Protein backbone atom coordinates (compact mmCIF):
# COMPACT_ATOMS: atom_id res chain seq x y z
CA MET A 1 108.68 -6.31 42.44
CA ILE A 2 107.46 -9.44 44.27
CA LYS A 3 109.32 -11.62 41.79
CA GLN A 4 112.57 -9.72 42.45
CA MET A 5 112.04 -9.95 46.22
CA THR A 6 111.25 -13.65 45.94
CA THR A 7 114.47 -14.23 44.04
CA LEU A 8 116.35 -12.19 46.64
CA ALA A 9 114.68 -14.12 49.46
CA ALA A 10 115.56 -17.43 47.87
CA ALA A 11 119.16 -16.32 47.39
CA ALA A 12 119.34 -15.07 50.97
CA MET A 13 118.06 -18.40 52.20
CA ALA A 14 120.47 -20.77 50.48
CA GLY A 15 120.91 -24.27 51.82
CA VAL A 16 117.52 -25.55 50.81
CA LEU A 17 116.41 -28.85 52.26
CA ALA A 18 116.30 -31.61 49.66
CA ALA A 19 115.43 -34.46 52.03
CA GLY A 20 112.17 -36.37 51.86
CA SER A 21 109.59 -36.22 54.62
CA ALA A 22 110.68 -39.60 56.01
CA ARG A 23 114.05 -38.21 57.02
CA ALA A 24 114.75 -36.30 60.20
CA ALA A 25 114.61 -32.50 60.02
CA GLU A 26 117.84 -31.15 58.58
CA ALA A 27 116.89 -27.53 57.95
CA ASP A 28 115.40 -24.66 59.89
CA ILE A 29 111.89 -23.31 59.35
CA VAL A 30 112.92 -20.81 56.68
CA ASP A 31 114.92 -23.24 54.57
CA THR A 32 112.27 -25.93 54.95
CA ALA A 33 109.56 -23.53 53.74
CA VAL A 34 111.66 -22.35 50.78
CA ALA A 35 112.37 -25.95 49.79
CA ALA A 36 108.66 -26.70 49.67
CA GLY A 37 108.30 -24.29 46.75
CA GLN A 38 104.85 -23.00 47.71
CA PHE A 39 105.85 -20.22 50.10
CA ASN A 40 107.62 -17.71 47.81
CA THR A 41 105.43 -14.77 48.83
CA LEU A 42 105.88 -15.66 52.50
CA ALA A 43 109.66 -15.78 52.01
CA ALA A 44 109.62 -12.36 50.31
CA ALA A 45 107.51 -10.92 53.13
CA LEU A 46 109.77 -12.39 55.83
CA THR A 47 112.77 -10.87 54.07
CA GLU A 48 111.13 -7.44 53.79
CA ALA A 49 110.07 -7.53 57.46
CA GLY A 50 113.57 -8.52 58.60
CA LEU A 51 112.33 -11.75 60.21
CA ILE A 52 114.57 -14.25 58.41
CA GLU A 53 117.25 -14.38 61.11
CA THR A 54 114.63 -14.73 63.84
CA LEU A 55 113.02 -17.74 62.18
CA LYS A 56 116.43 -19.23 61.48
CA GLY A 57 117.18 -18.92 65.21
CA PRO A 58 116.98 -21.68 67.80
CA GLY A 59 113.24 -21.41 68.44
CA PRO A 60 111.35 -23.57 68.77
CA PHE A 61 108.59 -22.03 66.66
CA THR A 62 105.28 -23.18 65.28
CA VAL A 63 104.51 -21.45 62.00
CA PHE A 64 101.09 -21.48 60.37
CA ALA A 65 102.39 -20.84 56.86
CA PRO A 66 100.11 -19.42 54.17
CA THR A 67 100.85 -20.67 50.67
CA ASP A 68 101.35 -18.47 47.62
CA GLU A 69 97.72 -19.30 46.73
CA ALA A 70 96.62 -17.99 50.14
CA PHE A 71 98.40 -14.68 49.53
CA ALA A 72 96.79 -14.50 46.06
CA LYS A 73 93.34 -14.57 47.73
CA LEU A 74 93.98 -11.21 49.41
CA PRO A 75 92.40 -8.15 47.74
CA ALA A 76 94.40 -6.83 44.79
CA GLY A 77 97.34 -4.68 45.86
CA THR A 78 97.37 -5.86 49.49
CA VAL A 79 100.65 -7.77 49.27
CA GLU A 80 102.37 -4.99 47.34
CA THR A 81 101.18 -2.44 49.90
CA LEU A 82 102.37 -4.53 52.85
CA LEU A 83 105.81 -4.96 51.23
CA GLN A 84 106.40 -1.21 51.04
CA PRO A 85 109.03 0.00 53.53
CA GLU A 86 106.61 2.42 55.21
CA ASN A 87 104.35 -0.55 56.10
CA LYS A 88 107.05 -2.68 57.74
CA ALA A 89 105.40 -2.53 61.19
CA LYS A 90 102.05 -3.73 59.82
CA LEU A 91 103.76 -6.46 57.76
CA THR A 92 105.67 -7.59 60.84
CA ALA A 93 102.44 -7.73 62.86
CA VAL A 94 100.73 -9.83 60.18
CA LEU A 95 103.67 -12.24 59.89
CA THR A 96 104.25 -12.65 63.63
CA TYR A 97 100.52 -13.42 64.02
CA HIS A 98 101.33 -16.64 62.08
CA VAL A 99 104.00 -17.69 64.61
CA VAL A 100 103.42 -19.34 67.98
CA PRO A 101 106.44 -19.64 70.28
CA GLY A 102 107.18 -23.28 71.06
CA LYS A 103 106.74 -26.44 69.05
CA LEU A 104 103.10 -27.46 68.68
CA THR A 105 102.53 -30.58 66.63
CA ALA A 106 99.11 -31.30 65.13
CA ALA A 107 98.34 -33.49 68.14
CA ASP A 108 99.08 -30.51 70.40
CA VAL A 109 97.19 -27.92 68.33
CA VAL A 110 93.88 -29.79 68.54
CA LYS A 111 93.99 -29.58 72.34
CA TYR A 112 93.73 -25.76 72.28
CA ASP A 113 90.97 -23.33 71.48
CA ALA A 114 93.51 -20.51 71.07
CA ALA A 115 97.26 -19.96 71.12
CA LYS A 116 99.20 -16.80 71.93
CA THR A 117 101.16 -15.66 68.89
CA ALA A 118 104.53 -13.91 68.69
CA GLN A 119 102.55 -10.82 67.67
CA GLY A 120 100.87 -10.92 71.09
CA ALA A 121 97.26 -11.67 70.15
CA GLN A 122 95.41 -14.93 70.68
CA LEU A 123 94.96 -17.01 67.52
CA PRO A 124 91.63 -18.88 67.64
CA ILE A 125 91.84 -22.63 66.99
CA ASP A 126 88.85 -24.75 66.08
CA ALA A 127 89.36 -28.51 65.79
CA SER A 128 86.35 -30.48 64.63
CA ALA A 129 85.47 -33.54 62.58
CA ASN A 130 85.75 -31.26 59.53
CA GLY A 131 89.40 -30.46 60.23
CA VAL A 132 91.34 -27.75 61.98
CA LYS A 133 90.96 -24.02 61.49
CA VAL A 134 93.24 -21.32 62.84
CA GLY A 135 91.50 -17.99 62.61
CA ASP A 136 89.72 -18.07 59.25
CA ALA A 137 92.26 -20.43 57.65
CA ASN A 138 92.00 -24.16 57.14
CA VAL A 139 95.04 -26.22 58.07
CA THR A 140 95.81 -28.21 54.91
CA ALA A 141 99.04 -29.98 55.92
CA THR A 142 100.60 -30.57 59.33
CA ASP A 143 103.79 -31.46 61.11
CA ILE A 144 106.39 -30.38 58.59
CA VAL A 145 109.28 -30.71 61.00
CA ALA A 146 112.26 -28.36 60.95
CA THR A 147 115.32 -28.25 63.18
CA ASN A 148 113.85 -25.31 65.11
CA GLY A 149 110.15 -26.07 65.10
CA VAL A 150 107.24 -27.16 62.97
CA ILE A 151 105.23 -25.79 60.05
CA HIS A 152 101.52 -26.25 59.47
CA VAL A 153 100.27 -25.17 56.03
CA ILE A 154 97.18 -22.95 55.86
CA ASP A 155 94.99 -21.79 52.98
CA ALA A 156 94.51 -18.13 53.99
CA VAL A 157 96.56 -15.26 55.33
CA LEU A 158 95.76 -14.52 58.97
CA LEU A 159 95.17 -10.92 59.95
CA PRO A 160 95.68 -9.91 63.57
CA PRO A 161 92.61 -8.54 65.37
CA ASP A 162 93.98 -4.97 65.26
CA SER A 163 94.25 -4.98 61.45
């Protein structure tokens, strides 16, 4: 089911960015993430939640994007359960907890101890000599620039406080 949704998500998000990181942003957040090849589960979840058009919008947005490996760390069955139509509200809450309105580069993020997410809750930020954590996730790559914001890669899926 996830594989079918991933294929559908990829098809729905045509126009993948093929430019190298040295070039200026030429694609929105969604297309940039799809082009990276490590966010297939995220793309499927965004499609199921109906958030594709929002994240293709003008923004700007800061997205803390969990990789496919991050989704794989969740307990067995969690992703499949979240992708069921009856769980759309919970899926939307989880996904919007990964989005901060505005464009926060890595240099900006380290100045905060929390940021208000699109979901409405505060996302804790901890910048130290050991790196940057958002919630319980480590930031593993920063400042992937898109035409409507920036992506920071994280190694865990963030769950809003109400989950």
